[in-house]
Protein backbone atom coordinates (compact mmCIF):
# COMPACT_ATOMS: atom_id res chain seq x y z
CA MET A 1 -24.03 58.88 28.70
CA ILE A 2 -22.17 56.41 30.91
CA LYS A 3 -18.76 57.63 32.05
CA ALA A 4 -16.35 54.70 31.71
CA LEU A 5 -12.65 54.22 32.35
CA ILE A 6 -10.50 51.57 30.63
CA ILE A 7 -7.40 50.53 32.60
CA ASP A 8 -4.70 48.33 31.06
CA ASP A 9 -0.91 48.42 31.09
CA GLU A 10 -0.80 48.09 27.28
CA GLU A 11 -1.69 51.23 25.34
CA SER A 12 -2.79 49.19 22.32
CA ALA A 13 -5.22 47.24 24.52
CA VAL A 14 -6.98 50.31 25.97
CA ASN A 15 -7.23 51.84 22.52
CA VAL A 16 -8.86 48.70 21.11
CA VAL A 17 -11.49 48.70 23.86
CA ARG A 18 -12.11 52.43 23.40
CA LEU A 19 -12.54 52.02 19.64
CA LEU A 20 -14.98 49.13 20.14
CA LEU A 21 -17.01 51.13 22.64
CA ASN A 22 -17.06 54.23 20.42
CA LYS A 23 -18.23 52.20 17.44
CA HIS A 24 -20.63 49.70 19.01
CA VAL A 25 -21.73 51.21 22.33
CA PRO A 26 -21.85 54.96 21.60
CA PHE A 27 -23.73 55.84 24.79
CA VAL A 28 -20.52 55.05 26.73
CA GLU A 29 -18.10 57.95 27.19
CA ALA A 30 -14.77 56.08 27.19
CA HIS A 31 -11.66 57.38 28.96
CA ILE A 32 -8.34 55.53 29.20
CA ALA A 33 -5.54 54.99 31.71
CA ILE A 34 -2.25 53.23 31.01
CA GLY A 35 -1.19 51.08 33.94
CA SER A 36 -2.34 50.76 37.54
CA GLN A 37 -0.91 54.02 38.88
CA GLN A 38 -2.52 56.16 36.20
CA GLY A 39 -5.67 54.12 36.68
CA ILE A 40 -5.83 55.04 40.37
CA GLU A 41 -5.32 58.72 39.56
CA LYS A 42 -8.02 58.67 36.86
CA ILE A 43 -10.52 56.90 39.15
CA LYS A 44 -10.05 59.68 41.71
CA SER A 45 -10.30 62.54 39.20
CA LEU A 46 -12.95 61.19 36.79
CA LYS A 47 -15.17 59.32 39.27
CA PRO A 48 -16.29 56.85 36.56
CA GLU A 49 -19.53 54.90 36.75
CA LEU A 50 -18.05 51.88 34.97
CA ILE A 51 -14.47 50.54 34.84
CA PHE A 52 -13.02 48.06 32.37
CA LEU A 53 -10.14 46.68 34.42
CA ASP A 54 -7.29 44.49 33.21
CA ILE A 55 -6.41 41.89 35.85
CA GLU A 56 -2.72 41.26 35.09
CA MET A 57 -0.69 44.46 35.30
CA PRO A 58 2.81 45.13 36.62
CA VAL A 59 3.34 47.09 39.86
CA MET A 60 -0.29 46.51 40.96
CA THR A 61 -2.79 43.97 39.70
CA GLY A 62 -6.34 44.98 38.85
CA PHE A 63 -7.46 43.42 42.14
CA GLU A 64 -5.02 45.55 44.13
CA VAL A 65 -6.31 48.66 42.35
CA LEU A 66 -9.89 47.63 43.10
CA ASN A 67 -9.08 46.97 46.75
CA GLN A 68 -8.28 50.68 47.21
CA PHE A 69 -11.77 51.71 46.14
CA GLN A 70 -14.16 49.38 47.96
CA GLY A 71 -17.48 51.11 48.40
CA ALA A 72 -16.69 53.71 45.73
CA GLY A 73 -19.93 52.91 43.88
CA PHE A 74 -18.64 52.16 40.38
CA GLU A 75 -19.27 48.93 38.50
CA VAL A 76 -16.34 46.86 37.22
CA ILE A 77 -15.97 44.63 34.17
CA PHE A 78 -12.75 42.65 34.33
CA ILE A 79 -10.60 41.99 31.27
CA THR A 80 -8.52 38.84 31.41
CA ALA A 81 -6.95 35.96 29.55
CA TYR A 82 -8.75 32.64 29.20
CA GLY A 83 -8.58 30.34 32.22
CA HIS A 84 -7.48 32.91 34.80
CA TYR A 85 -7.63 31.52 38.33
CA ALA A 86 -9.97 34.30 39.52
CA ILE A 87 -12.75 33.68 37.00
CA LYS A 88 -14.64 31.43 39.44
CA ALA A 89 -14.55 34.13 42.13
CA ILE A 90 -15.73 36.69 39.58
CA ARG A 91 -18.67 34.55 38.45
CA PHE A 92 -19.63 33.68 42.03
CA SER A 93 -19.84 37.41 42.75
CA ALA A 94 -22.10 38.06 39.71
CA LEU A 95 -19.51 40.42 38.25
CA ASP A 96 -18.73 40.54 34.55
CA TYR A 97 -15.54 39.73 32.71
CA LEU A 98 -14.36 39.83 29.11
CA LEU A 99 -11.78 37.49 27.62
CA LYS A 100 -8.98 38.74 25.40
CA PRO A 101 -9.24 39.23 22.46
CA ILE A 102 -12.50 41.01 23.19
CA ASP A 103 -15.58 39.91 21.27
CA VAL A 104 -17.87 42.77 20.23
CA GLU A 105 -21.11 40.96 21.13
CA GLU A 106 -19.78 40.00 24.56
CA LEU A 107 -18.75 43.61 25.15
CA LYS A 108 -22.21 44.89 24.23
CA THR A 109 -23.86 42.24 26.43
CA ALA A 110 -21.67 43.16 29.41
CA VAL A 111 -22.51 46.85 29.06
CA ASN A 112 -26.22 46.10 28.70
CA ARG A 113 -26.09 44.01 31.88
CA TYR A 114 -24.54 46.98 33.64
CA VAL A 115 -27.38 49.20 32.38
CA GLU A 116 -29.95 46.74 33.78
CA LYS A 117 -28.16 46.62 37.13
CA ARG A 118 -28.19 50.40 37.28
CA LYS A 119 -31.93 50.48 36.56
CA ASN A 120 -32.52 48.03 39.39
CA LYS A 121 -30.22 50.05 41.69
CA PHE A 122 -28.04 47.13 42.72
CA ASN A 123 -25.34 48.05 45.22
CA SER A 124 -22.18 47.39 43.22
CA GLY A 125 -20.06 48.17 46.28
CA GLU A 126 -21.52 45.11 48.02
CA GLN A 127 -20.76 42.96 44.98
CA VAL A 128 -17.16 44.15 44.88
CA ALA A 129 -16.81 43.51 48.63
CA ASN A 130 -18.20 40.00 48.14
CA PHE A 131 -15.78 39.43 45.28
CA MET A 132 -12.82 40.50 47.43
CA HIS A 133 -14.06 38.10 50.13
CA ASN A 134 -14.20 35.27 47.59
CA LEU A 135 -10.81 36.15 46.15
CA LYS A 136 -9.16 36.15 49.58
CA SER A 137 -10.85 32.93 50.74
CA THR A 138 -8.37 30.15 51.39
CA HIS A 139 -10.85 27.56 50.09
CA GLU A 140 -13.53 27.78 47.41
CA ASP A 141 -16.06 26.25 49.82
CA ASN A 142 -16.02 29.62 51.60
CA TYR A 143 -17.16 31.50 48.51
CA LYS A 144 -20.44 33.37 48.81
CA LEU A 145 -22.70 33.21 45.78
CA ALA A 146 -24.14 36.57 44.73
CA ILE A 147 -27.78 36.14 43.71
CA ALA A 148 -29.62 38.94 41.93
CA THR A 149 -33.35 39.16 42.64
CA THR A 150 -36.06 41.73 42.01
CA GLU A 151 -35.58 42.78 45.63
CA GLY A 152 -31.82 43.32 45.31
CA MET A 153 -28.69 41.24 45.71
CA HIS A 154 -28.34 38.40 48.22
CA TYR A 155 -25.19 36.52 49.26
CA PHE A 156 -25.14 32.91 50.44
CA PRO A 157 -22.50 30.20 50.95
CA THR A 158 -23.27 27.21 48.74
CA ASN A 159 -23.70 24.99 51.81
CA GLU A 160 -26.87 26.92 52.67
CA ILE A 161 -28.52 26.09 49.33
CA ILE A 162 -30.51 22.84 49.26
CA ARG A 163 -31.82 22.93 45.71
CA LEU A 164 -32.62 25.14 42.72
CA GLU A 165 -35.68 24.88 40.50
CA ALA A 166 -36.21 26.39 37.05
CA ASP A 167 -39.00 28.93 36.68
CA GLY A 168 -38.82 30.13 33.09
CA ASN A 169 -36.00 32.68 32.85
CA TYR A 170 -35.83 32.76 36.65
CA THR A 171 -34.72 30.24 39.27
CA ARG A 172 -36.28 29.39 42.63
CA ILE A 173 -33.59 28.82 45.25
CA PHE A 174 -34.45 26.87 48.41
CA LEU A 175 -32.28 27.49 51.49
CA ILE A 176 -31.69 25.58 54.72
CA ASN A 177 -33.66 28.12 56.77
CA LYS A 178 -36.78 27.18 54.74
CA LYS A 179 -36.53 30.49 52.90
CA MET A 180 -37.05 30.62 49.15
CA ILE A 181 -35.81 33.39 46.85
CA ILE A 182 -36.36 33.94 43.13
CA ALA A 183 -33.16 34.71 41.22
CA SER A 184 -32.98 36.70 38.00
CA LYS A 185 -30.87 34.04 36.29
CA THR A 186 -31.67 30.79 34.49
CA LEU A 187 -31.04 27.36 35.99
CA LYS A 188 -28.59 26.68 33.16
CA GLU A 189 -26.46 29.62 34.28
CA PHE A 190 -26.44 28.38 37.90
CA ASP A 191 -25.58 24.88 36.68
CA GLU A 192 -22.51 26.24 34.90
CA ILE A 193 -21.36 28.02 38.06
CA LEU A 194 -22.20 25.32 40.63
CA SER A 195 -21.38 22.06 38.83
CA ASP A 196 -17.91 21.98 40.43
CA TYR A 197 -19.38 22.42 43.92
CA ASP A 198 -21.31 19.16 44.44
CA PHE A 199 -24.49 20.35 42.75
CA ILE A 200 -26.15 17.73 40.54
CA ARG A 201 -28.46 18.44 37.59
CA VAL A 202 -31.03 15.69 38.21
CA HIS A 203 -33.65 17.02 35.82
CA ARG A 204 -33.93 19.81 33.28
CA THR A 205 -35.82 21.78 35.95
CA HIS A 206 -33.83 20.80 39.05
CA LEU A 207 -30.34 21.23 40.45
CA VAL A 208 -29.72 19.74 43.90
CA ASN A 209 -26.92 20.06 46.44
CA LYS A 210 -25.37 16.62 46.84
CA LYS A 211 -24.66 17.38 50.52
CA PHE A 212 -28.41 17.39 51.25
CA VAL A 213 -29.38 14.18 49.46
CA LYS A 214 -30.65 11.61 52.00
CA ARG A 215 -31.42 8.79 49.59
CA TYR A 216 -32.04 7.86 45.98
CA LEU A 217 -35.46 6.25 45.72
CA ASN A 218 -35.98 3.60 43.01
CA GLU A 219 -33.77 5.61 40.67
CA ARG A 220 -36.76 7.90 40.17
CA PHE A 221 -36.48 10.47 42.95
CA VAL A 222 -33.88 11.96 45.27
CA ILE A 223 -35.09 12.64 48.80
CA LEU A 224 -33.46 15.66 50.40
CA GLN A 225 -32.87 16.42 54.07
CA ASP A 226 -35.84 18.80 54.16
CA GLU A 227 -37.96 15.80 53.01
CA THR A 228 -38.43 17.30 49.55
CA SER A 229 -38.82 14.70 46.82
CA VAL A 230 -37.24 15.74 43.50
CA GLU A 231 -37.82 13.78 40.30
CA VAL A 232 -34.79 12.40 38.45
CA SER A 233 -35.18 12.31 34.68
CA ARG A 234 -34.67 9.01 32.88
CA ARG A 235 -31.79 10.53 30.92
CA LYS A 236 -30.03 11.65 34.11
CA SER A 237 -30.70 8.58 36.28
CA GLU A 238 -27.47 6.69 35.55
CA ASP A 239 -25.30 9.78 36.03
CA VAL A 240 -27.04 10.62 39.30
CA LYS A 241 -26.59 7.05 40.53
CA ASN A 242 -22.86 7.12 39.73
CA ILE A 243 -22.31 10.50 41.37
CA LEU A 244 -24.14 9.54 44.56
CA SER A 245 -22.48 6.13 44.81
CA SER A 246 -19.04 7.74 44.55
CA SER A 247 -19.61 9.87 47.65
């Protein structure tokens, strides 16, 4: 059994999550706390492995609650409304979130991801610390991207990533120090996260950092600063041309 704690300032909200967990994820032992203060007390007394944490609460936000327990070793799944300003920071930190009203399949997927992380012994404390760093950053360019690999979690600013290449359900990430890591996430997922940060999908198998593009060769290839030549698909060529010409 996984010992979980649900923290929300609305009693109806915690009860809904508990009912969904009891019905659809029975291997989770769900406890509840109403509001941030009771949440803090329950974290200390229960020592949960997993916390479902509402972001917007009076007195203390979910982030302020979390800030008191950095390094505590539990995993967190945020619960929030659509379009919350912190969602980018959450995704950059490879943490999970659920949108209200909670979808059963998304809840099950989030719990299953937690189970996989636990099997691979990822250090959730490091992820939370990285999230707090991203949340407190004055500019999104300072965010560090959390990248899960078979060797553990790595954290890199986006300006250290030259390009990403699809490798089935994995992604090869090439860095400025000539290091390459293999991430346990698809290129499509990275595209969704990085598209607002000057990364261009030039091909179904390639995502490149615009900052490292030296030239666009015959509308067929982009040449990067490390002298890598990356093919541009015919379908993407016009979009790539427009993006690069606007810089």
